[in-house]
C-alpha atoms as a PDB file:
ATOM      1  CA  MET A   1      60.679 -73.509 -86.448  1.00  0.00           C
ATOM      2  CA  THR A   2      58.107 -74.952 -83.991  1.00  0.00           C
ATOM      3  CA  HIS A   3      57.531 -73.501 -80.499  1.00  0.00           C
ATOM      4  CA  TYR A   4      59.100 -76.786 -78.995  1.00  0.00           C
ATOM      5  CA  GLU A   5      62.106 -76.396 -81.219  1.00  0.00           C
ATOM      6  CA  LYS A   6      62.292 -72.749 -80.289  1.00  0.00           C
ATOM      7  CA  PHE A   7      62.000 -73.610 -76.587  1.00  0.00           C
ATOM      8  CA  LEU A   8      64.513 -76.429 -76.618  1.00  0.00           C
ATOM      9  CA  GLY A   9      67.033 -73.967 -78.467  1.00  0.00           C
ATOM     10  CA  LEU A  10      66.654 -71.552 -75.587  1.00  0.00           C
ATOM     11  CA  HIS A  11      67.893 -74.279 -73.063  1.00  0.00           C
ATOM     12  CA  HIS A  12      71.129 -74.756 -75.031  1.00  0.00           C
ATOM     13  CA  GLN A  13      72.310 -71.123 -75.821  1.00  0.00           C
ATOM     14  CA  GLU A  14      75.068 -69.491 -73.976  1.00  0.00           C
ATOM     15  CA  LYS A  15      73.069 -67.113 -72.008  1.00  0.00           C
ATOM     16  CA  PRO A  16      70.639 -68.559 -69.523  1.00  0.00           C
ATOM     17  CA  LEU A  17      66.768 -68.588 -70.454  1.00  0.00           C
ATOM     18  CA  LEU A  18      65.225 -66.086 -67.929  1.00  0.00           C
ATOM     19  CA  ILE A  19      61.691 -67.036 -67.856  1.00  0.00           C
ATOM     20  CA  ALA A  20      58.605 -65.415 -65.952  1.00  0.00           C
ATOM     21  CA  ASN A  21      55.596 -67.162 -64.646  1.00  0.00           C
ATOM     22  CA  ALA A  22      52.295 -66.065 -65.743  1.00  0.00           C
ATOM     23  CA  TRP A  23      48.844 -66.944 -64.202  1.00  0.00           C
ATOM     24  CA  ASN A  24      46.369 -65.311 -66.864  1.00  0.00           C
ATOM     25  CA  VAL A  25      46.359 -63.793 -70.111  1.00  0.00           C
ATOM     26  CA  LYS A  26      47.296 -60.308 -68.879  1.00  0.00           C
ATOM     27  CA  SER A  27      50.316 -61.321 -67.015  1.00  0.00           C
ATOM     28  CA  ALA A  28      51.516 -63.494 -70.036  1.00  0.00           C
ATOM     29  CA  LYS A  29      50.908 -60.548 -72.481  1.00  0.00           C
ATOM     30  CA  LEU A  30      52.597 -58.158 -70.122  1.00  0.00           C
ATOM     31  CA  ILE A  31      55.580 -60.681 -70.021  1.00  0.00           C
ATOM     32  CA  GLU A  32      55.875 -61.151 -73.683  1.00  0.00           C
ATOM     33  CA  ALA A  33      55.760 -57.291 -74.127  1.00  0.00           C
ATOM     34  CA  GLN A  34      58.972 -56.947 -72.048  1.00  0.00           C
ATOM     35  CA  GLY A  35      60.842 -59.091 -74.495  1.00  0.00           C
ATOM     36  CA  PHE A  36      60.972 -62.402 -72.609  1.00  0.00           C
ATOM     37  CA  ALA A  37      61.646 -65.270 -75.073  1.00  0.00           C
ATOM     38  CA  ALA A  38      59.198 -67.698 -73.410  1.00  0.00           C
ATOM     39  CA  ILE A  39      56.571 -67.854 -70.811  1.00  0.00           C
ATOM     40  CA  ALA A  40      56.058 -70.421 -68.071  1.00  0.00           C
ATOM     41  CA  THR A  41      52.904 -70.799 -65.925  1.00  0.00           C
ATOM     42  CA  SER A  42      52.921 -71.353 -61.951  1.00  0.00           C
ATOM     43  CA  SER A  43      50.467 -73.804 -60.829  1.00  0.00           C
ATOM     44  CA  GLY A  44      50.351 -72.154 -57.402  1.00  0.00           C
ATOM     45  CA  ALA A  45      49.641 -68.697 -59.007  1.00  0.00           C
ATOM     46  CA  ILE A  46      46.854 -70.112 -61.397  1.00  0.00           C
ATOM     47  CA  ALA A  47      45.247 -72.017 -58.510  1.00  0.00           C
ATOM     48  CA  ASP A  48      45.277 -69.104 -56.034  1.00  0.00           C
ATOM     49  CA  SER A  49      44.000 -66.640 -58.807  1.00  0.00           C
ATOM     50  CA  LEU A  50      40.785 -68.870 -58.896  1.00  0.00           C
ATOM     51  CA  GLY A  51      40.363 -69.454 -55.356  1.00  0.00           C
ATOM     52  CA  TYR A  52      42.065 -72.970 -55.087  1.00  0.00           C
ATOM     53  CA  PRO A  53      44.997 -74.129 -52.963  1.00  0.00           C
ATOM     54  CA  ASP A  54      48.073 -75.251 -54.774  1.00  0.00           C
ATOM     55  CA  GLY A  55      48.714 -78.879 -55.122  1.00  0.00           C
ATOM     56  CA  GLU A  56      46.393 -80.425 -57.901  1.00  0.00           C
ATOM     57  CA  LYS A  57      43.346 -78.845 -56.278  1.00  0.00           C
ATOM     58  CA  ILE A  58      42.335 -76.816 -59.286  1.00  0.00           C
ATOM     59  CA  PRO A  59      40.174 -79.060 -61.783  1.00  0.00           C
ATOM     60  CA  PHE A  60      42.146 -80.065 -64.828  1.00  0.00           C
ATOM     61  CA  GLY A  61      39.573 -78.636 -67.129  1.00  0.00           C
ATOM     62  CA  GLU A  62      39.802 -75.213 -65.508  1.00  0.00           C
ATOM     63  CA  LEU A  63      43.659 -75.245 -65.963  1.00  0.00           C
ATOM     64  CA  LEU A  64      43.415 -75.941 -69.473  1.00  0.00           C
ATOM     65  CA  TYR A  65      40.757 -73.196 -69.942  1.00  0.00           C
ATOM     66  CA  VAL A  66      43.339 -70.850 -68.694  1.00  0.00           C
ATOM     67  CA  ILE A  67      46.334 -72.447 -70.656  1.00  0.00           C
ATOM     68  CA  GLY A  68      44.335 -72.024 -73.835  1.00  0.00           C
ATOM     69  CA  ARG A  69      43.351 -68.539 -73.355  1.00  0.00           C
ATOM     70  CA  ILE A  70      47.179 -67.715 -72.745  1.00  0.00           C
ATOM     71  CA  VAL A  71      48.406 -69.762 -75.834  1.00  0.00           C
ATOM     72  CA  ALA A  72      45.520 -67.817 -78.042  1.00  0.00           C
ATOM     73  CA  CYS A  73      46.622 -64.364 -76.889  1.00  0.00           C
ATOM     74  CA  THR A  74      50.475 -64.618 -76.886  1.00  0.00           C
ATOM     75  CA  SER A  75      53.060 -65.660 -79.691  1.00  0.00           C
ATOM     76  CA  ILE A  76      55.920 -67.071 -77.874  1.00  0.00           C
ATOM     77  CA  PRO A  77      56.526 -70.497 -76.463  1.00  0.00           C
ATOM     78  CA  LEU A  78      54.670 -71.665 -73.354  1.00  0.00           C
ATOM     79  CA  SER A  79      55.515 -74.086 -70.819  1.00  0.00           C
ATOM     80  CA  VAL A  80      52.875 -75.415 -68.484  1.00  0.00           C
ATOM     81  CA  ASP A  81      53.482 -76.434 -64.738  1.00  0.00           C
ATOM     82  CA  LEU A  82      51.741 -79.715 -64.781  1.00  0.00           C
ATOM     83  CA  GLU A  83      52.610 -80.485 -61.116  1.00  0.00           C
ATOM     84  CA  ARG A  84      52.285 -84.325 -60.945  1.00  0.00           C
ATOM     85  CA  GLY A  85      50.378 -84.769 -64.066  1.00  0.00           C
ATOM     86  CA  TYR A  86      46.876 -84.388 -62.413  1.00  0.00           C
ATOM     87  CA  THR A  87      46.480 -88.094 -62.381  1.00  0.00           C
ATOM     88  CA  ASP A  88      48.223 -91.270 -61.461  1.00  0.00           C
ATOM     89  CA  ASP A  89      46.614 -93.079 -64.263  1.00  0.00           C
ATOM     90  CA  LEU A  90      49.022 -93.361 -67.092  1.00  0.00           C
ATOM     91  CA  ASP A  91      46.277 -93.336 -69.758  1.00  0.00           C
ATOM     92  CA  GLU A  92      44.849 -90.376 -68.402  1.00  0.00           C
ATOM     93  CA  LEU A  93      47.983 -88.700 -67.885  1.00  0.00           C
ATOM     94  CA  ASN A  94      48.815 -89.117 -71.770  1.00  0.00           C
ATOM     95  CA  ARG A  95      45.298 -87.709 -72.490  1.00  0.00           C
ATOM     96  CA  ASN A  96      46.199 -84.743 -70.478  1.00  0.00           C
ATOM     97  CA  ILE A  97      49.475 -84.345 -72.339  1.00  0.00           C
ATOM     98  CA  GLN A  98      47.620 -84.657 -75.794  1.00  0.00           C
ATOM     99  CA  GLN A  99      45.082 -81.795 -74.673  1.00  0.00           C
ATOM    100  CA  LEU A 100      48.312 -79.504 -74.066  1.00  0.00           C
ATOM    101  CA  ILE A 101      49.896 -80.338 -77.350  1.00  0.00           C
ATOM    102  CA  ASP A 102      46.565 -79.619 -79.089  1.00  0.00           C
ATOM    103  CA  LEU A 103      46.512 -76.336 -77.433  1.00  0.00           C
ATOM    104  CA  GLY A 104      50.114 -75.526 -78.675  1.00  0.00           C
ATOM    105  CA  VAL A 105      51.991 -75.870 -75.489  1.00  0.00           C
ATOM    106  CA  ALA A 106      55.778 -76.142 -76.011  1.00  0.00           C
ATOM    107  CA  GLY A 107      56.586 -77.755 -72.674  1.00  0.00           C
ATOM    108  CA  ILE A 108      55.755 -78.891 -69.210  1.00  0.00           C
ATOM    109  CA  ASN A 109      57.237 -79.375 -65.673  1.00  0.00           C
ATOM    110  CA  LEU A 110      56.625 -82.524 -64.001  1.00  0.00           C
ATOM    111  CA  GLU A 111      57.408 -82.946 -60.363  1.00  0.00           C
ATOM    112  CA  ASP A 112      58.696 -85.996 -58.690  1.00  0.00           C
ATOM    113  CA  ALA A 113      57.368 -85.304 -55.050  1.00  0.00           C
ATOM    114  CA  GLN A 114      55.791 -88.766 -54.968  1.00  0.00           C
ATOM    115  CA  GLY A 115      59.055 -90.331 -55.519  1.00  0.00           C
ATOM    116  CA  GLU A 116      61.259 -91.641 -58.398  1.00  0.00           C
ATOM    117  CA  ASP A 117      59.554 -94.808 -58.994  1.00  0.00           C
ATOM    118  CA  ILE A 118      56.138 -93.521 -59.894  1.00  0.00           C
ATOM    119  CA  TYR A 119      57.833 -90.377 -61.573  1.00  0.00           C
ATOM    120  CA  LEU A 120      59.811 -92.689 -63.826  1.00  0.00           C
ATOM    121  CA  LYS A 121      56.678 -94.636 -64.751  1.00  0.00           C
ATOM    122  CA  LYS A 122      55.010 -91.257 -65.598  1.00  0.00           C
ATOM    123  CA  LEU A 123      58.036 -89.840 -67.548  1.00  0.00           C
ATOM    124  CA  THR A 124      58.417 -93.181 -69.514  1.00  0.00           C
ATOM    125  CA  SER A 125      54.747 -93.354 -70.413  1.00  0.00           C
ATOM    126  CA  ILE A 126      54.688 -89.643 -71.608  1.00  0.00           C
ATOM    127  CA  LYS A 127      57.910 -90.318 -73.793  1.00  0.00           C
ATOM    128  CA  ASN A 128      56.710 -93.368 -75.079  1.00  0.00           C
ATOM    129  CA  TYR A 129      53.431 -91.592 -76.180  1.00  0.00           C
ATOM    130  CA  LEU A 130      55.053 -88.571 -77.846  1.00  0.00           C
ATOM    131  CA  THR A 131      57.436 -91.129 -79.866  1.00  0.00           C
ATOM    132  CA  ASN A 132      54.503 -93.506 -80.855  1.00  0.00           C
ATOM    133  CA  ASN A 133      52.489 -90.558 -81.941  1.00  0.00           C
ATOM    134  CA  ASN A 134      55.337 -88.439 -83.513  1.00  0.00           C
ATOM    135  CA  GLN A 135      54.983 -85.411 -81.165  1.00  0.00           C
ATOM    136  CA  GLN A 136      57.059 -83.211 -79.397  1.00  0.00           C
ATOM    137  CA  LEU A 137      56.992 -81.639 -75.865  1.00  0.00           C
ATOM    138  CA  PHE A 138      59.847 -80.322 -73.630  1.00  0.00           C
ATOM    139  CA  ILE A 139      59.881 -82.199 -70.316  1.00  0.00           C
ATOM    140  CA  ASN A 140      61.503 -80.282 -67.564  1.00  0.00           C
ATOM    141  CA  ALA A 141      61.892 -82.866 -64.899  1.00  0.00           C
ATOM    142  CA  ARG A 142      61.286 -81.058 -61.437  1.00  0.00           C
ATOM    143  CA  THR A 143      63.067 -82.787 -58.645  1.00  0.00           C
ATOM    144  CA  ASP A 144      61.934 -81.849 -55.120  1.00  0.00           C
ATOM    145  CA  VAL A 145      64.749 -83.531 -53.146  1.00  0.00           C
ATOM    146  CA  PHE A 146      65.965 -80.404 -51.353  1.00  0.00           C
ATOM    147  CA  LEU A 147      62.468 -78.837 -51.044  1.00  0.00           C
ATOM    148  CA  GLN A 148      61.211 -82.153 -49.219  1.00  0.00           C
ATOM    149  CA  LYS A 149      64.548 -82.059 -47.213  1.00  0.00           C
ATOM    150  CA  LEU A 150      65.429 -85.693 -47.987  1.00  0.00           C
ATOM    151  CA  GLU A 151      68.475 -87.220 -46.777  1.00  0.00           C
ATOM    152  CA  SER A 152      71.558 -86.778 -48.727  1.00  0.00           C
ATOM    153  CA  PRO A 153      70.026 -84.385 -51.201  1.00  0.00           C
ATOM    154  CA  LEU A 154      72.804 -83.695 -53.384  1.00  0.00           C
ATOM    155  CA  GLU A 155      73.653 -87.237 -53.985  1.00  0.00           C
ATOM    156  CA  THR A 156      69.682 -88.155 -54.437  1.00  0.00           C
ATOM    157  CA  THR A 157      69.442 -85.225 -56.891  1.00  0.00           C
ATOM    158  CA  LEU A 158      72.492 -86.417 -58.862  1.00  0.00           C
ATOM    159  CA  LYS A 159      71.045 -89.878 -58.927  1.00  0.00           C
ATOM    160  CA  ARG A 160      67.589 -89.021 -60.062  1.00  0.00           C
ATOM    161  CA  ALA A 161      69.077 -86.476 -62.653  1.00  0.00           C
ATOM    162  CA  LYS A 162      70.739 -89.510 -64.496  1.00  0.00           C
ATOM    163  CA  LEU A 163      67.686 -91.454 -64.140  1.00  0.00           C
ATOM    164  CA  TYR A 164      65.528 -89.071 -65.569  1.00  0.00           C
ATOM    165  CA  ALA A 165      67.820 -88.046 -68.423  1.00  0.00           C
ATOM    166  CA  ASP A 166      68.174 -91.849 -69.311  1.00  0.00           C
ATOM    167  CA  ALA A 167      64.189 -91.829 -69.386  1.00  0.00           C
ATOM    168  CA  GLY A 168      64.228 -88.915 -71.977  1.00  0.00           C
ATOM    169  CA  ALA A 169      63.895 -85.706 -69.989  1.00  0.00           C
ATOM    170  CA  ASP A 170      64.859 -82.487 -71.580  1.00  0.00           C
ATOM    171  CA  GLY A 171      65.817 -80.517 -68.458  1.00  0.00           C
ATOM    172  CA  LEU A 172      66.317 -80.859 -64.793  1.00  0.00           C
ATOM    173  CA  PHE A 173      64.398 -78.457 -62.561  1.00  0.00           C
ATOM    174  CA  VAL A 174      66.069 -78.443 -58.931  1.00  0.00           C
ATOM    175  CA  THR A 175      63.670 -76.601 -56.213  1.00  0.00           C
ATOM    176  CA  GLY A 176      64.607 -75.640 -52.901  1.00  0.00           C
ATOM    177  CA  VAL A 177      68.314 -75.487 -53.331  1.00  0.00           C
ATOM    178  CA  SER A 178      69.638 -72.081 -51.911  1.00  0.00           C
ATOM    179  CA  ASP A 179      73.585 -72.504 -51.974  1.00  0.00           C
ATOM    180  CA  ILE A 180      75.279 -71.685 -55.074  1.00  0.00           C
ATOM    181  CA  SER A 181      78.003 -73.940 -54.553  1.00  0.00           C
ATOM    182  CA  LEU A 182      75.784 -76.897 -54.717  1.00  0.00           C
ATOM    183  CA  VAL A 183      74.169 -75.438 -57.977  1.00  0.00           C
ATOM    184  CA  LYS A 184      77.655 -75.438 -59.616  1.00  0.00           C
ATOM    185  CA  GLU A 185      78.093 -79.078 -58.454  1.00  0.00           C
ATOM    186  CA  ILE A 186      74.855 -80.264 -59.966  1.00  0.00           C
ATOM    187  CA  THR A 187      75.306 -78.226 -63.171  1.00  0.00           C
ATOM    188  CA  THR A 188      78.963 -79.600 -63.730  1.00  0.00           C
ATOM    189  CA  THR A 189      77.840 -83.329 -63.046  1.00  0.00           C
ATOM    190  CA  VAL A 190      74.319 -83.293 -64.691  1.00  0.00           C
ATOM    191  CA  THR A 191      74.001 -83.753 -68.518  1.00  0.00           C
ATOM    192  CA  LEU A 192      70.566 -82.032 -68.707  1.00  0.00           C
ATOM    193  CA  PRO A 193      70.308 -78.225 -68.839  1.00  0.00           C
ATOM    194  CA  VAL A 194      69.651 -77.068 -65.011  1.00  0.00           C
ATOM    195  CA  ASN A 195      66.747 -74.887 -64.058  1.00  0.00           C
ATOM    196  CA  VAL A 196      66.395 -73.156 -60.609  1.00  0.00           C
ATOM    197  CA  VAL A 197      64.205 -70.559 -59.059  1.00  0.00           C
ATOM    198  CA  GLY A 198      65.960 -67.002 -58.907  1.00  0.00           C
ATOM    199  CA  VAL A 199      66.025 -66.551 -55.161  1.00  0.00           C
ATOM    200  CA  THR A 200      68.003 -64.011 -53.669  1.00  0.00           C
ATOM    201  CA  LYS A 201      70.246 -66.487 -51.602  1.00  0.00           C
ATOM    202  CA  LEU A 202      71.476 -67.787 -54.983  1.00  0.00           C
ATOM    203  CA  GLY A 203      72.786 -64.319 -56.023  1.00  0.00           C
ATOM    204  CA  SER A 204      72.525 -62.423 -59.211  1.00  0.00           C
ATOM    205  CA  LEU A 205      71.377 -63.395 -62.776  1.00  0.00           C
ATOM    206  CA  GLU A 206      75.166 -63.255 -63.465  1.00  0.00           C
ATOM    207  CA  ALA A 207      76.286 -65.486 -60.729  1.00  0.00           C
ATOM    208  CA  LEU A 208      73.678 -68.027 -61.654  1.00  0.00           C
ATOM    209  CA  ALA A 209      74.926 -67.830 -65.231  1.00  0.00           C
ATOM    210  CA  GLU A 210      78.509 -68.326 -64.082  1.00  0.00           C
ATOM    211  CA  SER A 211      77.250 -71.368 -62.130  1.00  0.00           C
ATOM    212  CA  GLY A 212      76.216 -73.150 -65.349  1.00  0.00           C
ATOM    213  CA  VAL A 213      72.546 -72.728 -64.857  1.00  0.00           C
ATOM    214  CA  LYS A 214      70.517 -72.776 -68.079  1.00  0.00           C
ATOM    215  CA  ARG A 215      67.081 -71.522 -66.988  1.00  0.00           C
ATOM    216  CA  ILE A 216      65.934 -69.206 -64.261  1.00  0.00           C
ATOM    217  CA  SER A 217      62.387 -69.171 -63.146  1.00  0.00           C
ATOM    218  CA  MET A 218      60.473 -66.685 -61.106  1.00  0.00           C
ATOM    219  CA  ALA A 219      58.077 -69.453 -60.103  1.00  0.00           C
ATOM    220  CA  VAL A 220      55.105 -68.024 -57.770  1.00  0.00           C
ATOM    221  CA  LEU A 221      57.310 -65.166 -56.784  1.00  0.00           C
ATOM    222  CA  LEU A 222      56.089 -62.650 -59.551  1.00  0.00           C
ATOM    223  CA  TYR A 223      52.496 -63.498 -58.625  1.00  0.00           C
ATOM    224  CA  ARG A 224      52.992 -62.806 -55.100  1.00  0.00           C
ATOM    225  CA  ALA A 225      54.944 -59.445 -55.715  1.00  0.00           C
ATOM    226  CA  THR A 226      52.053 -58.314 -57.995  1.00  0.00           C
ATOM    227  CA  TYR A 227      49.330 -58.816 -55.372  1.00  0.00           C
ATOM    228  CA  GLY A 228      51.595 -57.676 -52.692  1.00  0.00           C
ATOM    229  CA  HIS A 229      51.781 -54.292 -54.408  1.00  0.00           C
ATOM    230  CA  LEU A 230      47.900 -54.281 -55.090  1.00  0.00           C
ATOM    231  CA  GLU A 231      47.366 -55.027 -51.418  1.00  0.00           C
ATOM    232  CA  LYS A 232      49.541 -51.995 -50.577  1.00  0.00           C
ATOM    233  CA  ILE A 233      47.473 -49.855 -52.975  1.00  0.00           C
ATOM    234  CA  VAL A 234      44.140 -50.810 -51.681  1.00  0.00           C
ATOM    235  CA  GLN A 235      45.161 -50.401 -48.066  1.00  0.00           C
ATOM    236  CA  ALA A 236      46.524 -46.994 -49.048  1.00  0.00           C
ATOM    237  CA  VAL A 237      43.108 -45.877 -50.438  1.00  0.00           C
ATOM    238  CA  GLN A 238      41.419 -47.250 -47.359  1.00  0.00           C
ATOM    239  CA  THR A 239      43.509 -45.698 -44.901  1.00  0.00           C
ATOM    240  CA  GLU A 240      44.068 -42.263 -46.637  1.00  0.00           C
ATOM    241  CA  GLN A 241      40.345 -42.323 -47.938  1.00  0.00           C
ATOM    242  CA  SER A 242      41.716 -40.835 -51.226  1.00  0.00           C
ATOM    243  CA  PHE A 243      42.128 -42.343 -54.586  1.00  0.00           C
ATOM    244  CA  MET A 244      45.559 -40.599 -55.003  1.00  0.00           C
ATOM    245  CA  PRO A 245      47.307 -44.020 -54.595  1.00  0.00           C
ATOM    246  CA  LEU A 246      45.644 -45.171 -57.706  1.00  0.00           C
ATOM    247  CA  TYR A 247      47.808 -42.832 -59.808  1.00  0.00           C
END
């Protein structure tokens, strides 16, 4: 079974896929060691760890290097946060996709912050490219309707979900939603497995499972928590003038 096939299956099991988001080899290896079935990357975490703002400011080549090192040092499926594809040129987008496939990536997130029209062009181009080249890649269609606070967010999300499913997306990632009742309405209406970020407002993992969610991500939250803890340690060393906080 390929990593793509394993990853696809994880979205159709009874229990939701709980996925942690890595930003380098060490974080990815720790995630794998704790028994997670797959790893995802966080674009914001990778960019920040290398001194770049989020939002495709990191050169794609630098992102590829990090992804390649993670794949080389882990053995479970990896999904890459590809943001908007790092280009609006469809030929270049397909070249980016091929480079990820060559590294052994199982899936990607592709976000629609630019609007559904350009998104559908990108999604259709990728799907055609995969079909024409007999290749497989799980495409998690990220919709930022709630995050961008667009009008009629539920209705717009459901509309986009159908369009993206018809265009060949494998999953739907709904960002910015913080009401469990809205999550339930989305999962009961949408045909794709639904992914959300595990924010506290949505309740426990059990509550999300009962709502019909099939994938729960940590996004950049794991990165922030990790470095928040590191900040407390170095502050304590400085304040106490002692190395004891390291132990």
